[in-house]
Amino acid sequence: MAELLTDDQIDQAIRDHLPLWKVEDGALARSVEKPTFLDGIRLVATVAQLAESMNHHPDIDIRYTTITFRIRSHEAGGITDDDLVLARHIDTAAG
């Protein structure tokens, strides 16, 4: 099982590498606005493929052109390095 990160480690990762993310209810969270609904769905499909290849799946909320991702390691009970890696992949996919 992956090791939980401390609050300081999470804060530093957000400052240094994930400025578009925040901690919300014990998870990393980021919303992405896409120009059209279908652009948002394409992003969700891309992230789904990445997540499946990592066997690490985010919670995804689709609200028209706004897609919100929430990531936490459920088995570990919080945020781990796996979550940071997935967040970076989502940032890359989101453009």
N, C-alpha and C. Protein backbone atom coordinates (compact mmCIF):
# COMPACT_ATOMS: atom_id res chain seq x y z
N MET A 1 0.84 -1.18 0.00
CA MET A 1 0.00 0.00 0.00
C MET A 1 0.89 1.25 0.00
N ALA A 2 0.48 2.26 -0.75
CA ALA A 2 1.23 3.51 -0.83
C ALA A 2 1.18 4.26 0.49
N GLU A 3 2.24 4.99 0.77
CA GLU A 3 2.34 5.73 2.03
C GLU A 3 1.69 7.11 1.89
N LEU A 4 0.92 7.50 2.91
CA LEU A 4 0.28 8.81 2.91
C LEU A 4 1.32 9.91 2.97
N LEU A 5 1.05 10.99 2.26
CA LEU A 5 1.90 12.17 2.33
C LEU A 5 1.45 13.06 3.48
N THR A 6 2.40 13.80 4.03
CA THR A 6 2.05 14.76 5.07
C THR A 6 1.42 16.00 4.43
N ASP A 7 0.76 16.80 5.24
CA ASP A 7 0.19 18.05 4.74
C ASP A 7 1.27 18.94 4.13
N ASP A 8 2.44 18.98 4.76
CA ASP A 8 3.54 19.80 4.23
C ASP A 8 4.01 19.29 2.87
N GLN A 9 4.10 17.97 2.71
CA GLN A 9 4.51 17.40 1.42
C GLN A 9 3.49 17.72 0.34
N ILE A 10 2.24 17.63 0.68
CA ILE A 10 1.17 17.93 -0.29
C ILE A 10 1.21 19.40 -0.67
N ASP A 11 1.32 20.27 0.34
CA ASP A 11 1.37 21.71 0.07
C ASP A 11 2.55 22.06 -0.83
N GLN A 12 3.71 21.45 -0.57
CA GLN A 12 4.88 21.73 -1.39
C GLN A 12 4.69 21.23 -2.82
N ALA A 13 4.11 20.06 -2.98
CA ALA A 13 3.85 19.52 -4.33
C ALA A 13 2.92 20.44 -5.11
N ILE A 14 1.90 20.95 -4.43
CA ILE A 14 0.97 21.87 -5.10
C ILE A 14 1.71 23.15 -5.50
N ARG A 15 2.49 23.71 -4.58
CA ARG A 15 3.25 24.94 -4.88
C ARG A 15 4.22 24.73 -6.02
N ASP A 16 4.94 23.61 -5.99
CA ASP A 16 6.04 23.40 -6.94
C ASP A 16 5.62 22.81 -8.29
N HIS A 17 4.58 21.98 -8.29
CA HIS A 17 4.28 21.22 -9.52
C HIS A 17 2.81 21.21 -9.93
N LEU A 18 1.91 21.51 -9.02
CA LEU A 18 0.48 21.35 -9.30
C LEU A 18 -0.31 22.60 -8.89
N PRO A 19 0.05 23.78 -9.43
CA PRO A 19 -0.57 25.01 -8.96
C PRO A 19 -2.07 25.12 -9.25
N LEU A 20 -2.59 24.32 -10.14
CA LEU A 20 -4.01 24.38 -10.47
C LEU A 20 -4.86 23.47 -9.58
N TRP A 21 -4.21 22.76 -8.68
CA TRP A 21 -4.88 21.81 -7.79
C TRP A 21 -5.01 22.40 -6.39
N LYS A 22 -5.98 21.88 -5.65
CA LYS A 22 -6.15 22.25 -4.24
C LYS A 22 -6.55 21.00 -3.48
N VAL A 23 -6.43 21.07 -2.18
CA VAL A 23 -6.90 19.97 -1.34
C VAL A 23 -8.32 20.30 -0.92
N GLU A 24 -9.21 19.34 -1.15
CA GLU A 24 -10.63 19.52 -0.86
C GLU A 24 -11.17 18.22 -0.29
N ASP A 25 -11.61 18.26 0.94
CA ASP A 25 -12.17 17.06 1.59
C ASP A 25 -11.22 15.86 1.52
N GLY A 26 -9.94 16.11 1.77
CA GLY A 26 -8.97 15.03 1.81
C GLY A 26 -8.54 14.47 0.47
N ALA A 27 -8.83 15.21 -0.61
CA ALA A 27 -8.45 14.77 -1.95
C ALA A 27 -7.85 15.94 -2.72
N LEU A 28 -7.04 15.62 -3.72
CA LEU A 28 -6.62 16.65 -4.66
C LEU A 28 -7.79 16.93 -5.59
N ALA A 29 -8.04 18.20 -5.89
CA ALA A 29 -9.17 18.56 -6.74
C ALA A 29 -8.75 19.64 -7.74
N ARG A 30 -9.28 19.49 -8.95
CA ARG A 30 -9.06 20.49 -10.00
C ARG A 30 -10.24 20.46 -10.95
N SER A 31 -10.70 21.64 -11.34
CA SER A 31 -11.72 21.75 -12.37
C SER A 31 -11.08 22.26 -13.65
N VAL A 32 -11.56 21.74 -14.77
CA VAL A 32 -11.07 22.13 -16.09
C VAL A 32 -12.27 22.58 -16.90
N GLU A 33 -12.16 23.75 -17.49
CA GLU A 33 -13.22 24.27 -18.38
C GLU A 33 -12.79 24.00 -19.82
N LYS A 34 -13.65 23.34 -20.58
CA LYS A 34 -13.38 23.06 -21.99
C LYS A 34 -14.35 23.87 -22.85
N PRO A 35 -14.00 24.15 -24.10
CA PRO A 35 -14.86 24.99 -24.93
C PRO A 35 -16.24 24.38 -25.22
N THR A 36 -16.28 23.05 -25.35
CA THR A 36 -17.56 22.40 -25.66
C THR A 36 -17.72 21.16 -24.78
N PHE A 37 -18.95 20.69 -24.71
CA PHE A 37 -19.25 19.48 -23.97
C PHE A 37 -18.43 18.31 -24.50
N LEU A 38 -18.37 18.16 -25.83
CA LEU A 38 -17.62 17.04 -26.41
C LEU A 38 -16.13 17.14 -26.13
N ASP A 39 -15.58 18.34 -26.07
CA ASP A 39 -14.17 18.50 -25.69
C ASP A 39 -13.96 17.99 -24.27
N GLY A 40 -14.89 18.27 -23.39
CA GLY A 40 -14.81 17.77 -22.02
C GLY A 40 -14.87 16.26 -21.96
N ILE A 41 -15.76 15.68 -22.74
CA ILE A 41 -15.89 14.22 -22.78
C ILE A 41 -14.62 13.58 -23.33
N ARG A 42 -14.00 14.21 -24.33
CA ARG A 42 -12.73 13.69 -24.85
C ARG A 42 -11.65 13.70 -23.77
N LEU A 43 -11.62 14.76 -22.98
CA LEU A 43 -10.67 14.82 -21.87
C LEU A 43 -10.95 13.69 -20.88
N VAL A 44 -12.20 13.49 -20.54
CA VAL A 44 -12.56 12.40 -19.62
C VAL A 44 -12.10 11.06 -20.18
N ALA A 45 -12.30 10.84 -21.47
CA ALA A 45 -11.89 9.57 -22.08
C ALA A 45 -10.37 9.40 -22.01
N THR A 46 -9.63 10.47 -22.26
CA THR A 46 -8.17 10.41 -22.18
C THR A 46 -7.72 10.09 -20.76
N VAL A 47 -8.30 10.79 -19.79
CA VAL A 47 -7.94 10.55 -18.39
C VAL A 47 -8.33 9.14 -17.96
N ALA A 48 -9.46 8.66 -18.44
CA ALA A 48 -9.89 7.30 -18.11
C ALA A 48 -8.87 6.28 -18.59
N GLN A 49 -8.33 6.47 -19.78
CA GLN A 49 -7.31 5.55 -20.30
C GLN A 49 -6.04 5.61 -19.46
N LEU A 50 -5.62 6.83 -19.10
CA LEU A 50 -4.43 6.98 -18.25
C LEU A 50 -4.65 6.31 -16.90
N ALA A 51 -5.80 6.58 -16.31
CA ALA A 51 -6.11 6.03 -14.99
C ALA A 51 -6.15 4.50 -15.03
N GLU A 52 -6.73 3.98 -16.07
CA GLU A 52 -6.82 2.52 -16.19
C GLU A 52 -5.43 1.91 -16.31
N SER A 53 -4.55 2.57 -17.08
CA SER A 53 -3.18 2.04 -17.23
C SER A 53 -2.41 2.09 -15.91
N MET A 54 -2.77 3.04 -15.04
CA MET A 54 -2.12 3.17 -13.74
C MET A 54 -2.84 2.35 -12.66
N ASN A 55 -4.03 1.86 -12.98
CA ASN A 55 -4.90 1.22 -11.99
C ASN A 55 -5.12 2.15 -10.79
N HIS A 56 -5.35 3.41 -11.13
CA HIS A 56 -5.57 4.44 -10.10
C HIS A 56 -6.58 5.42 -10.68
N HIS A 57 -7.78 5.44 -10.15
CA HIS A 57 -8.91 6.09 -10.80
C HIS A 57 -9.42 7.30 -10.03
N PRO A 58 -9.56 8.44 -10.71
CA PRO A 58 -10.09 9.63 -10.05
C PRO A 58 -11.62 9.59 -10.01
N ASP A 59 -12.18 10.40 -9.13
CA ASP A 59 -13.61 10.69 -9.21
C ASP A 59 -13.74 11.82 -10.22
N ILE A 60 -14.71 11.69 -11.11
CA ILE A 60 -14.87 12.68 -12.18
C ILE A 60 -16.31 13.18 -12.17
N ASP A 61 -16.45 14.50 -12.14
CA ASP A 61 -17.76 15.14 -12.17
C ASP A 61 -17.85 15.97 -13.45
N ILE A 62 -18.86 15.70 -14.25
CA ILE A 62 -19.04 16.40 -15.53
C ILE A 62 -20.24 17.32 -15.40
N ARG A 63 -20.01 18.62 -15.57
CA ARG A 63 -21.07 19.63 -15.55
C ARG A 63 -20.95 20.46 -16.81
N TYR A 64 -21.63 20.00 -17.85
CA TYR A 64 -21.60 20.65 -19.16
C TYR A 64 -20.17 20.77 -19.65
N THR A 65 -19.55 21.95 -19.61
CA THR A 65 -18.18 22.09 -20.12
C THR A 65 -17.14 22.13 -19.01
N THR A 66 -17.56 21.93 -17.77
CA THR A 66 -16.64 21.92 -16.64
C THR A 66 -16.48 20.49 -16.13
N ILE A 67 -15.24 20.03 -16.10
CA ILE A 67 -14.91 18.70 -15.62
C ILE A 67 -14.12 18.87 -14.33
N THR A 68 -14.55 18.22 -13.26
CA THR A 68 -13.83 18.29 -12.00
C THR A 68 -13.29 16.91 -11.66
N PHE A 69 -11.99 16.89 -11.37
CA PHE A 69 -11.30 15.66 -10.99
C PHE A 69 -10.98 15.73 -9.50
N ARG A 70 -11.21 14.62 -8.79
CA ARG A 70 -10.82 14.48 -7.39
C ARG A 70 -10.03 13.18 -7.27
N ILE A 71 -8.87 13.30 -6.65
CA ILE A 71 -7.97 12.14 -6.57
C ILE A 71 -7.55 11.93 -5.12
N ARG A 72 -7.71 10.69 -4.67
CA ARG A 72 -7.17 10.27 -3.37
C ARG A 72 -6.98 8.77 -3.44
N SER A 73 -6.06 8.27 -2.66
CA SER A 73 -5.82 6.83 -2.60
C SER A 73 -6.75 6.26 -1.54
N HIS A 74 -7.84 5.69 -1.99
CA HIS A 74 -8.88 5.21 -1.07
C HIS A 74 -8.33 4.16 -0.10
N GLU A 75 -7.54 3.22 -0.60
CA GLU A 75 -7.00 2.17 0.27
C GLU A 75 -6.10 2.73 1.35
N ALA A 76 -5.35 3.79 1.02
CA ALA A 76 -4.43 4.39 1.99
C ALA A 76 -5.15 5.39 2.90
N GLY A 77 -6.30 5.86 2.45
CA GLY A 77 -7.06 6.80 3.26
C GLY A 77 -6.63 8.25 3.13
N GLY A 78 -6.05 8.62 1.99
CA GLY A 78 -5.64 10.00 1.80
C GLY A 78 -4.83 10.16 0.53
N ILE A 79 -3.98 11.17 0.52
CA ILE A 79 -3.21 11.52 -0.67
C ILE A 79 -1.82 10.88 -0.59
N THR A 80 -1.43 10.23 -1.70
CA THR A 80 -0.13 9.56 -1.80
C THR A 80 0.60 10.06 -3.05
N ASP A 81 1.82 9.58 -3.25
CA ASP A 81 2.57 9.92 -4.46
C ASP A 81 1.82 9.51 -5.72
N ASP A 82 1.09 8.40 -5.68
CA ASP A 82 0.31 7.97 -6.84
C ASP A 82 -0.67 9.05 -7.28
N ASP A 83 -1.24 9.76 -6.32
CA ASP A 83 -2.20 10.83 -6.63
C ASP A 83 -1.50 12.00 -7.32
N LEU A 84 -0.29 12.32 -6.85
CA LEU A 84 0.46 13.40 -7.47
C LEU A 84 0.81 13.06 -8.91
N VAL A 85 1.20 11.82 -9.15
CA VAL A 85 1.53 11.38 -10.51
C VAL A 85 0.30 11.48 -11.42
N LEU A 86 -0.83 11.00 -10.94
CA LEU A 86 -2.05 11.07 -11.75
C LEU A 86 -2.44 12.54 -12.01
N ALA A 87 -2.29 13.39 -11.01
CA ALA A 87 -2.62 14.81 -11.19
C ALA A 87 -1.75 15.43 -12.29
N ARG A 88 -0.47 15.10 -12.31
CA ARG A 88 0.41 15.62 -13.36
C ARG A 88 -0.02 15.12 -14.74
N HIS A 89 -0.43 13.86 -14.82
CA HIS A 89 -0.92 13.32 -16.10
C HIS A 89 -2.20 14.05 -16.53
N ILE A 90 -3.07 14.34 -15.58
CA ILE A 90 -4.31 15.07 -15.91
C ILE A 90 -3.97 16.46 -16.40
N ASP A 91 -3.01 17.12 -15.75
CA ASP A 91 -2.59 18.45 -16.22
C ASP A 91 -2.10 18.40 -17.65
N THR A 92 -1.30 17.39 -17.97
CA THR A 92 -0.80 17.25 -19.33
C THR A 92 -1.95 17.02 -20.32
N ALA A 93 -2.87 16.15 -19.95
CA ALA A 93 -4.01 15.86 -20.84
C ALA A 93 -4.91 17.07 -21.01
N ALA A 94 -5.05 17.87 -19.96
CA ALA A 94 -5.93 19.04 -20.02
C ALA A 94 -5.35 20.17 -20.85
N GLY A 95 -4.02 20.14 -21.04
CA GLY A 95 -3.37 21.14 -21.87
C GLY A 95 -3.13 22.46 -21.20
